[in-house]
C-alpha atoms as a PDB file:
ATOM      1  CA  MET A   1       9.119  -5.932  54.772  1.00  0.00           C
ATOM      2  CA  ILE A   2      11.044  -3.131  56.483  1.00  0.00           C
ATOM      3  CA  TRP A   3      10.699  -0.936  53.378  1.00  0.00           C
ATOM      4  CA  PHE A   4       6.929  -1.490  53.520  1.00  0.00           C
ATOM      5  CA  GLU A   5       6.977  -0.410  57.180  1.00  0.00           C
ATOM      6  CA  PHE A   6       8.900   2.737  56.283  1.00  0.00           C
ATOM      7  CA  ALA A   7       6.452   3.524  53.464  1.00  0.00           C
ATOM      8  CA  VAL A   8       3.297   3.113  55.588  1.00  0.00           C
ATOM      9  CA  THR A   9       4.865   5.128  58.392  1.00  0.00           C
ATOM     10  CA  GLY A  10       5.768   7.879  55.934  1.00  0.00           C
ATOM     11  CA  LEU A  11       2.269   8.056  54.465  1.00  0.00           C
ATOM     12  CA  LEU A  12       0.683   8.406  57.913  1.00  0.00           C
ATOM     13  CA  ALA A  13       3.297  10.896  59.111  1.00  0.00           C
ATOM     14  CA  GLY A  14       2.854  13.039  56.012  1.00  0.00           C
ATOM     15  CA  PHE A  15      -0.912  13.124  56.430  1.00  0.00           C
ATOM     16  CA  LEU A  16      -0.610  14.166  60.072  1.00  0.00           C
ATOM     17  CA  ALA A  17       2.016  16.775  59.166  1.00  0.00           C
ATOM     18  CA  GLY A  18      -0.568  18.481  57.003  1.00  0.00           C
ATOM     19  CA  TYR A  19      -3.551  17.849  59.270  1.00  0.00           C
ATOM     20  CA  LEU A  20      -1.978  18.753  62.607  1.00  0.00           C
ATOM     21  CA  GLY A  21       1.025  20.901  61.660  1.00  0.00           C
ATOM     22  CA  ILE A  22       3.313  18.591  63.670  1.00  0.00           C
ATOM     23  CA  GLY A  23       5.757  17.555  60.939  1.00  0.00           C
ATOM     24  CA  GLY A  24       4.834  13.923  61.541  1.00  0.00           C
ATOM     25  CA  GLY A  25       7.365  13.534  64.341  1.00  0.00           C
ATOM     26  CA  LEU A  26       4.873  12.351  66.932  1.00  0.00           C
ATOM     27  CA  VAL A  27       4.236   9.373  64.646  1.00  0.00           C
ATOM     28  CA  LEU A  28       7.765   8.846  63.398  1.00  0.00           C
ATOM     29  CA  VAL A  29       9.658   8.866  66.702  1.00  0.00           C
ATOM     30  CA  PRO A  30       7.719   6.065  68.459  1.00  0.00           C
ATOM     31  CA  VAL A  31       7.329   3.948  65.309  1.00  0.00           C
ATOM     32  CA  LEU A  32      10.936   4.310  64.156  1.00  0.00           C
ATOM     33  CA  SER A  33      12.173   3.713  67.711  1.00  0.00           C
ATOM     34  CA  TRP A  34      10.345   0.375  67.672  1.00  0.00           C
ATOM     35  CA  ILE A  35      11.722  -0.540  64.234  1.00  0.00           C
ATOM     36  CA  PHE A  36      15.299   0.445  65.106  1.00  0.00           C
ATOM     37  CA  SER A  37      15.193  -1.369  68.463  1.00  0.00           C
ATOM     38  CA  ARG A  38      14.835  -4.656  66.553  1.00  0.00           C
ATOM     39  CA  ASP A  39      18.342  -4.153  65.094  1.00  0.00           C
ATOM     40  CA  PRO A  40      20.969  -5.124  67.719  1.00  0.00           C
ATOM     41  CA  ALA A  41      23.581  -2.925  66.039  1.00  0.00           C
ATOM     42  CA  ILE A  42      21.656   0.289  66.742  1.00  0.00           C
ATOM     43  CA  ALA A  43      19.199  -0.725  69.492  1.00  0.00           C
ATOM     44  CA  GLY A  44      21.150   1.234  72.122  1.00  0.00           C
ATOM     45  CA  MET A  45      20.530   4.512  70.304  1.00  0.00           C
ATOM     46  CA  ALA A  46      17.151   3.688  68.752  1.00  0.00           C
ATOM     47  CA  VAL A  47      15.323   6.727  70.143  1.00  0.00           C
ATOM     48  CA  GLN A  48      18.136   9.150  69.359  1.00  0.00           C
ATOM     49  CA  MET A  49      18.302   7.798  65.814  1.00  0.00           C
ATOM     50  CA  ALA A  50      14.503   7.972  65.497  1.00  0.00           C
ATOM     51  CA  VAL A  51      14.528  11.609  66.636  1.00  0.00           C
ATOM     52  CA  ALA A  52      17.281  12.509  64.168  1.00  0.00           C
ATOM     53  CA  THR A  53      15.642  10.658  61.267  1.00  0.00           C
ATOM     54  CA  SER A  54      12.283  12.227  62.097  1.00  0.00           C
ATOM     55  CA  LEU A  55      13.795  15.709  61.859  1.00  0.00           C
ATOM     56  CA  ALA A  56      15.495  14.821  58.574  1.00  0.00           C
ATOM     57  CA  THR A  57      12.232  13.657  57.000  1.00  0.00           C
ATOM     58  CA  MET A  58      10.686  16.985  57.947  1.00  0.00           C
ATOM     59  CA  LEU A  59      12.988  18.615  55.418  1.00  0.00           C
ATOM     60  CA  PHE A  60      10.548  17.056  52.927  1.00  0.00           C
ATOM     61  CA  THR A  61       7.239  16.826  54.823  1.00  0.00           C
ATOM     62  CA  SER A  62       7.384  20.328  56.278  1.00  0.00           C
ATOM     63  CA  MET A  63       8.099  21.897  52.901  1.00  0.00           C
ATOM     64  CA  SER A  64       5.227  20.031  51.254  1.00  0.00           C
ATOM     65  CA  SER A  65       2.844  20.972  54.065  1.00  0.00           C
ATOM     66  CA  LEU A  66       4.167  24.546  54.217  1.00  0.00           C
ATOM     67  CA  LEU A  67       3.543  25.157  50.502  1.00  0.00           C
ATOM     68  CA  ALA A  68       0.048  23.707  50.689  1.00  0.00           C
ATOM     69  CA  HIS A  69      -0.866  25.976  53.630  1.00  0.00           C
ATOM     70  CA  HIS A  70       0.777  28.990  51.960  1.00  0.00           C
ATOM     71  CA  ARG A  71      -1.370  28.561  48.859  1.00  0.00           C
ATOM     72  CA  ARG A  72      -4.401  28.862  51.140  1.00  0.00           C
ATOM     73  CA  GLY A  73      -3.028  32.067  52.714  1.00  0.00           C
ATOM     74  CA  ALA A  74      -3.193  30.597  56.215  1.00  0.00           C
ATOM     75  CA  ILE A  75       0.397  31.180  57.462  1.00  0.00           C
ATOM     76  CA  LEU A  76       1.164  34.126  59.768  1.00  0.00           C
ATOM     77  CA  TRP A  77       4.454  34.976  58.041  1.00  0.00           C
ATOM     78  CA  PRO A  78       5.415  38.072  60.129  1.00  0.00           C
ATOM     79  CA  LEU A  79       5.201  35.917  63.256  1.00  0.00           C
ATOM     80  CA  VAL A  80       7.308  33.167  61.662  1.00  0.00           C
ATOM     81  CA  LYS A  81       9.978  35.748  60.767  1.00  0.00           C
ATOM     82  CA  ASN A  82      10.161  37.011  64.356  1.00  0.00           C
ATOM     83  CA  MET A  83      10.453  33.497  65.741  1.00  0.00           C
ATOM     84  CA  LEU A  84      13.077  32.338  63.222  1.00  0.00           C
ATOM     85  CA  PRO A  85      16.345  33.161  65.103  1.00  0.00           C
ATOM     86  CA  GLY A  86      15.055  31.482  68.239  1.00  0.00           C
ATOM     87  CA  LEU A  87      13.845  28.429  66.321  1.00  0.00           C
ATOM     88  CA  LEU A  88      17.262  27.922  64.666  1.00  0.00           C
ATOM     89  CA  ALA A  89      19.312  28.384  67.838  1.00  0.00           C
ATOM     90  CA  GLY A  90      16.965  26.215  69.855  1.00  0.00           C
ATOM     91  CA  ALA A  91      17.022  23.391  67.325  1.00  0.00           C
ATOM     92  CA  LEU A  92      20.816  23.187  67.488  1.00  0.00           C
ATOM     93  CA  LEU A  93      20.697  23.218  71.292  1.00  0.00           C
ATOM     94  CA  GLY A  94      18.063  20.462  71.349  1.00  0.00           C
ATOM     95  CA  SER A  95      20.175  18.119  69.236  1.00  0.00           C
ATOM     96  CA  LEU A  96      23.102  18.618  71.637  1.00  0.00           C
ATOM     97  CA  ILE A  97      20.935  17.779  74.660  1.00  0.00           C
ATOM     98  CA  ALA A  98      19.506  14.671  72.962  1.00  0.00           C
ATOM     99  CA  ASP A  99      23.027  13.444  72.239  1.00  0.00           C
ATOM    100  CA  ARG A 100      24.057  13.853  75.890  1.00  0.00           C
ATOM    101  CA  ILE A 101      21.117  12.514  77.924  1.00  0.00           C
ATOM    102  CA  GLY A 102      20.966   8.988  76.479  1.00  0.00           C
ATOM    103  CA  ASP A 103      18.355   6.823  74.791  1.00  0.00           C
ATOM    104  CA  ALA A 104      16.168   5.726  77.736  1.00  0.00           C
ATOM    105  CA  ALA A 105      15.940   9.218  79.248  1.00  0.00           C
ATOM    106  CA  LEU A 106      15.050  10.657  75.862  1.00  0.00           C
ATOM    107  CA  ALA A 107      12.161   8.169  75.467  1.00  0.00           C
ATOM    108  CA  THR A 108      10.797   9.136  78.885  1.00  0.00           C
ATOM    109  CA  VAL A 109      11.040  12.856  78.128  1.00  0.00           C
ATOM    110  CA  PHE A 110       9.215  12.294  74.850  1.00  0.00           C
ATOM    111  CA  GLY A 111       6.408  10.347  76.539  1.00  0.00           C
ATOM    112  CA  VAL A 112       5.890  12.837  79.366  1.00  0.00           C
ATOM    113  CA  PHE A 113       5.842  15.746  76.939  1.00  0.00           C
ATOM    114  CA  ALA A 114       3.250  14.126  74.674  1.00  0.00           C
ATOM    115  CA  LEU A 115       1.079  13.280  77.693  1.00  0.00           C
ATOM    116  CA  LEU A 116       1.130  16.841  79.054  1.00  0.00           C
ATOM    117  CA  VAL A 117       0.374  18.441  75.712  1.00  0.00           C
ATOM    118  CA  GLY A 118      -2.428  15.979  74.980  1.00  0.00           C
ATOM    119  CA  LEU A 119      -4.105  16.691  78.312  1.00  0.00           C
ATOM    120  CA  GLN A 120      -3.753  20.426  77.805  1.00  0.00           C
ATOM    121  CA  MET A 121      -5.370  20.238  74.375  1.00  0.00           C
ATOM    122  CA  LEU A 122      -8.417  18.423  75.800  1.00  0.00           C
ATOM    123  CA  ARG A 123      -9.227  21.293  78.139  1.00  0.00           C
ATOM    124  CA  GLY A 124     -11.396  23.050  75.566  1.00  0.00           C
ATOM    125  CA  VAL A 125     -11.389  25.444  72.636  1.00  0.00           C
ATOM    126  CA  ILE A 126     -10.014  28.944  73.174  1.00  0.00           C
ATOM    127  CA  GLU A 127     -12.035  31.509  71.248  1.00  0.00           C
ATOM    128  CA  PRO A 128      -9.929  33.531  68.760  1.00  0.00           C
ATOM    129  CA  GLY A 129      -9.207  37.166  69.536  1.00  0.00           C
ATOM    130  CA  THR A 130      -9.107  36.871  73.323  1.00  0.00           C
ATOM    131  CA  ARG A 131      -5.349  37.397  73.775  1.00  0.00           C
ATOM    132  CA  PRO A 132      -3.013  39.450  71.547  1.00  0.00           C
ATOM    133  CA  LEU A 133       0.299  38.111  70.316  1.00  0.00           C
ATOM    134  CA  PRO A 134       3.257  39.393  72.418  1.00  0.00           C
ATOM    135  CA  GLY A 135       6.087  41.656  71.304  1.00  0.00           C
ATOM    136  CA  THR A 136       9.300  40.758  69.468  1.00  0.00           C
ATOM    137  CA  ILE A 137      11.417  39.656  72.462  1.00  0.00           C
ATOM    138  CA  PRO A 138       8.791  37.304  73.952  1.00  0.00           C
ATOM    139  CA  VAL A 139       8.144  35.850  70.502  1.00  0.00           C
ATOM    140  CA  LEU A 140      11.891  35.289  70.027  1.00  0.00           C
ATOM    141  CA  ALA A 141      12.140  33.586  73.427  1.00  0.00           C
ATOM    142  CA  THR A 142       9.131  31.431  72.570  1.00  0.00           C
ATOM    143  CA  GLY A 143      10.852  30.393  69.344  1.00  0.00           C
ATOM    144  CA  LEU A 144      13.978  29.417  71.305  1.00  0.00           C
ATOM    145  CA  GLY A 145      11.976  27.221  73.662  1.00  0.00           C
ATOM    146  CA  ILE A 146       9.947  25.610  70.886  1.00  0.00           C
ATOM    147  CA  GLY A 147      13.038  25.004  68.767  1.00  0.00           C
ATOM    148  CA  THR A 148      14.925  23.370  71.639  1.00  0.00           C
ATOM    149  CA  LEU A 149      12.156  20.989  72.666  1.00  0.00           C
ATOM    150  CA  SER A 150      11.210  20.217  69.072  1.00  0.00           C
ATOM    151  CA  SER A 151      14.739  19.184  68.128  1.00  0.00           C
ATOM    152  CA  LEU A 152      15.189  17.287  71.392  1.00  0.00           C
ATOM    153  CA  LEU A 153      12.015  15.284  70.699  1.00  0.00           C
ATOM    154  CA  GLY A 154      12.169  15.027  66.907  1.00  0.00           C
ATOM    155  CA  ILE A 155       8.945  16.930  66.282  1.00  0.00           C
ATOM    156  CA  GLY A 156       8.110  19.861  64.058  1.00  0.00           C
ATOM    157  CA  GLY A 157       7.028  22.131  66.888  1.00  0.00           C
ATOM    158  CA  GLY A 158       3.311  21.989  66.184  1.00  0.00           C
ATOM    159  CA  SER A 159       2.567  20.347  69.516  1.00  0.00           C
ATOM    160  CA  MET A 160       3.802  23.545  71.179  1.00  0.00           C
ATOM    161  CA  THR A 161       3.205  26.189  68.507  1.00  0.00           C
ATOM    162  CA  VAL A 162      -0.433  25.204  67.932  1.00  0.00           C
ATOM    163  CA  PRO A 163      -1.495  25.378  71.629  1.00  0.00           C
ATOM    164  CA  TRP A 164       0.455  28.614  72.101  1.00  0.00           C
ATOM    165  CA  LEU A 165      -1.242  30.272  69.119  1.00  0.00           C
ATOM    166  CA  LEU A 166      -4.656  29.005  70.207  1.00  0.00           C
ATOM    167  CA  TRP A 167      -3.976  30.437  73.673  1.00  0.00           C
ATOM    168  CA  ARG A 168      -3.087  33.693  71.953  1.00  0.00           C
ATOM    169  CA  GLY A 169      -6.477  33.694  70.250  1.00  0.00           C
ATOM    170  CA  GLN A 170      -5.596  32.550  66.729  1.00  0.00           C
ATOM    171  CA  GLN A 171      -7.885  30.359  64.626  1.00  0.00           C
ATOM    172  CA  VAL A 172      -7.006  26.671  64.629  1.00  0.00           C
ATOM    173  CA  GLN A 173      -6.380  26.494  60.854  1.00  0.00           C
ATOM    174  CA  LYS A 174      -3.978  29.478  60.976  1.00  0.00           C
ATOM    175  CA  SER A 175      -2.307  28.041  64.065  1.00  0.00           C
ATOM    176  CA  ILE A 176      -1.699  24.712  62.318  1.00  0.00           C
ATOM    177  CA  ALA A 177      -0.486  26.412  59.136  1.00  0.00           C
ATOM    178  CA  THR A 178       1.947  28.654  61.040  1.00  0.00           C
ATOM    179  CA  ALA A 179       3.222  25.674  63.032  1.00  0.00           C
ATOM    180  CA  ALA A 180       3.965  23.899  59.753  1.00  0.00           C
ATOM    181  CA  ALA A 181       5.997  26.917  58.586  1.00  0.00           C
ATOM    182  CA  CYS A 182       7.935  27.018  61.872  1.00  0.00           C
ATOM    183  CA  GLY A 183       8.737  23.321  61.505  1.00  0.00           C
ATOM    184  CA  TYR A 184      11.034  23.784  58.518  1.00  0.00           C
ATOM    185  CA  PRO A 185      13.811  25.859  60.167  1.00  0.00           C
ATOM    186  CA  ILE A 186      13.635  23.479  63.135  1.00  0.00           C
ATOM    187  CA  ALA A 187      14.160  20.549  60.756  1.00  0.00           C
ATOM    188  CA  VAL A 188      17.129  22.207  59.035  1.00  0.00           C
ATOM    189  CA  ALA A 189      19.044  23.202  62.172  1.00  0.00           C
ATOM    190  CA  GLY A 190      18.115  20.094  64.166  1.00  0.00           C
ATOM    191  CA  THR A 191      19.142  17.712  61.389  1.00  0.00           C
ATOM    192  CA  LEU A 192      22.470  19.502  61.022  1.00  0.00           C
ATOM    193  CA  GLY A 193      23.129  19.098  64.734  1.00  0.00           C
ATOM    194  CA  PHE A 194      22.333  15.367  64.730  1.00  0.00           C
ATOM    195  CA  VAL A 195      24.462  14.791  61.621  1.00  0.00           C
ATOM    196  CA  LEU A 196      27.473  16.417  63.278  1.00  0.00           C
ATOM    197  CA  LEU A 197      26.992  14.719  66.668  1.00  0.00           C
ATOM    198  CA  GLY A 198      26.222  11.141  65.606  1.00  0.00           C
ATOM    199  CA  ASP A 199      28.551   8.186  65.146  1.00  0.00           C
ATOM    200  CA  ASN A 200      28.864   6.878  61.581  1.00  0.00           C
ATOM    201  CA  GLN A 201      30.717   3.720  62.638  1.00  0.00           C
ATOM    202  CA  THR A 202      27.807   1.270  62.281  1.00  0.00           C
ATOM    203  CA  ALA A 203      26.918  -1.423  59.762  1.00  0.00           C
ATOM    204  CA  THR A 204      23.667   0.420  59.019  1.00  0.00           C
ATOM    205  CA  PRO A 205      23.971   3.265  56.468  1.00  0.00           C
ATOM    206  CA  THR A 206      23.782   6.428  58.558  1.00  0.00           C
ATOM    207  CA  LEU A 207      24.714  10.081  58.399  1.00  0.00           C
ATOM    208  CA  GLY A 208      25.447  10.906  62.004  1.00  0.00           C
ATOM    209  CA  TYR A 209      22.303   9.822  63.843  1.00  0.00           C
ATOM    210  CA  VAL A 210      20.190   9.906  60.656  1.00  0.00           C
ATOM    211  CA  HIS A 211      19.155   6.430  59.397  1.00  0.00           C
ATOM    212  CA  LEU A 212      19.422   6.808  55.614  1.00  0.00           C
ATOM    213  CA  PRO A 213      17.207   3.872  54.463  1.00  0.00           C
ATOM    214  CA  ALA A 214      14.432   5.016  56.808  1.00  0.00           C
ATOM    215  CA  LEU A 215      14.835   8.591  55.608  1.00  0.00           C
ATOM    216  CA  ALA A 216      14.433   7.524  51.970  1.00  0.00           C
ATOM    217  CA  GLY A 217      11.441   5.257  52.570  1.00  0.00           C
ATOM    218  CA  VAL A 218       9.567   7.603  54.880  1.00  0.00           C
ATOM    219  CA  ALA A 219      10.235  10.824  52.978  1.00  0.00           C
ATOM    220  CA  LEU A 220       8.969   9.508  49.648  1.00  0.00           C
ATOM    221  CA  LEU A 221       5.501   8.603  50.948  1.00  0.00           C
ATOM    222  CA  SER A 222       5.248  11.492  53.409  1.00  0.00           C
ATOM    223  CA  ILE A 223       5.280  13.947  50.505  1.00  0.00           C
ATOM    224  CA  VAL A 224       2.165  12.210  49.170  1.00  0.00           C
ATOM    225  CA  GLY A 225       0.405  12.261  52.538  1.00  0.00           C
ATOM    226  CA  ALA A 226       0.997  15.911  53.516  1.00  0.00           C
ATOM    227  CA  PRO A 227      -1.315  17.591  50.944  1.00  0.00           C
ATOM    228  CA  LEU A 228      -4.050  15.111  51.866  1.00  0.00           C
ATOM    229  CA  GLY A 229      -3.771  16.203  55.489  1.00  0.00           C
ATOM    230  CA  VAL A 230      -3.911  19.880  54.551  1.00  0.00           C
ATOM    231  CA  ALA A 231      -7.071  19.329  52.526  1.00  0.00           C
ATOM    232  CA  ALA A 232      -8.634  17.430  55.438  1.00  0.00           C
ATOM    233  CA  VAL A 233      -7.967  20.096  58.096  1.00  0.00           C
ATOM    234  CA  HIS A 234      -9.478  22.862  55.966  1.00  0.00           C
ATOM    235  CA  ARG A 235     -12.661  20.801  55.686  1.00  0.00           C
ATOM    236  CA  SER A 236     -12.803  20.022  59.408  1.00  0.00           C
ATOM    237  CA  SER A 237     -14.362  21.965  62.255  1.00  0.00           C
ATOM    238  CA  PRO A 238     -11.860  23.623  64.638  1.00  0.00           C
ATOM    239  CA  LEU A 239     -13.160  21.515  67.532  1.00  0.00           C
ATOM    240  CA  LEU A 240     -12.708  18.255  65.627  1.00  0.00           C
ATOM    241  CA  ALA A 241      -9.148  19.140  64.626  1.00  0.00           C
ATOM    242  CA  LYS A 242      -8.194  20.005  68.187  1.00  0.00           C
ATOM    243  CA  ARG A 243      -9.802  16.924  69.747  1.00  0.00           C
ATOM    244  CA  PHE A 244      -8.166  14.613  67.214  1.00  0.00           C
ATOM    245  CA  PHE A 245      -4.818  16.240  67.959  1.00  0.00           C
ATOM    246  CA  ALA A 246      -5.239  15.717  71.717  1.00  0.00           C
ATOM    247  CA  VAL A 247      -6.306  12.044  71.525  1.00  0.00           C
ATOM    248  CA  PHE A 248      -3.439  11.263  69.190  1.00  0.00           C
ATOM    249  CA  LEU A 249      -0.920  12.796  71.589  1.00  0.00           C
ATOM    250  CA  LEU A 250      -2.225  10.740  74.511  1.00  0.00           C
ATOM    251  CA  ILE A 251      -1.877   7.498  72.549  1.00  0.00           C
ATOM    252  CA  VAL A 252       1.705   8.364  71.610  1.00  0.00           C
ATOM    253  CA  ALA A 253       2.540   9.237  75.229  1.00  0.00           C
ATOM    254  CA  LEU A 254       1.383   5.873  76.543  1.00  0.00           C
ATOM    255  CA  LYS A 255       3.308   4.078  73.814  1.00  0.00           C
ATOM    256  CA  MET A 256       6.595   5.768  74.710  1.00  0.00           C
ATOM    257  CA  LEU A 257       6.208   5.558  78.500  1.00  0.00           C
ATOM    258  CA  LEU A 258       5.358   1.845  78.412  1.00  0.00           C
ATOM    259  CA  ARG A 259       8.070   0.781  75.940  1.00  0.00           C
END
């Protein structure tokens, strides 16, 4: 039964990775936290383990989503290149913070963040072309902030990168595609940090904080779901994509704050 749960979770997370550019983490963290909390051996670090495992699955989901968006020519690659050093450094820093603050505090931070972003996304569509992208240093600093919070919360960065790019006047499809590309370096550096920081002395097969059975079950089906999400977003109106994103974030926030 638990393998079925991992598979369904992976399919949904993969679809949302492609559709929203979020790497699936806003699905994986609350769902995996609930699954892991049912195991007494790891219940005390359920959220930390869910965050780490979510980042590890993005090594597969982000690549699948990234390639699908790249084939459509939707990724702003020069921007991704400028953000890259900040994304990598921030992702390592985020894993360190998550290890130190504890499981309950991490769940609260995750819930508050999802709530704030969801409310912000409901405020309305920003027309493209109204604000230019900033210079290299501000972009680098933005990458550092996004990488830190993304690794801390086990998300691909889309919940910050997408609103930021929309605010900077980019089209929603290009914003989502670029967020998907930014998610991969976050996944690499963040996973490395959680592997090095976690405790392997549990009965459950783990690699640091990464839950290996969950990683296998989720990753396999997420690869199937990601291209479906990409196809869906390119057939959707920008307003529909943004509203769906916002409502989804609010549901996740309530789930984590009321756990």
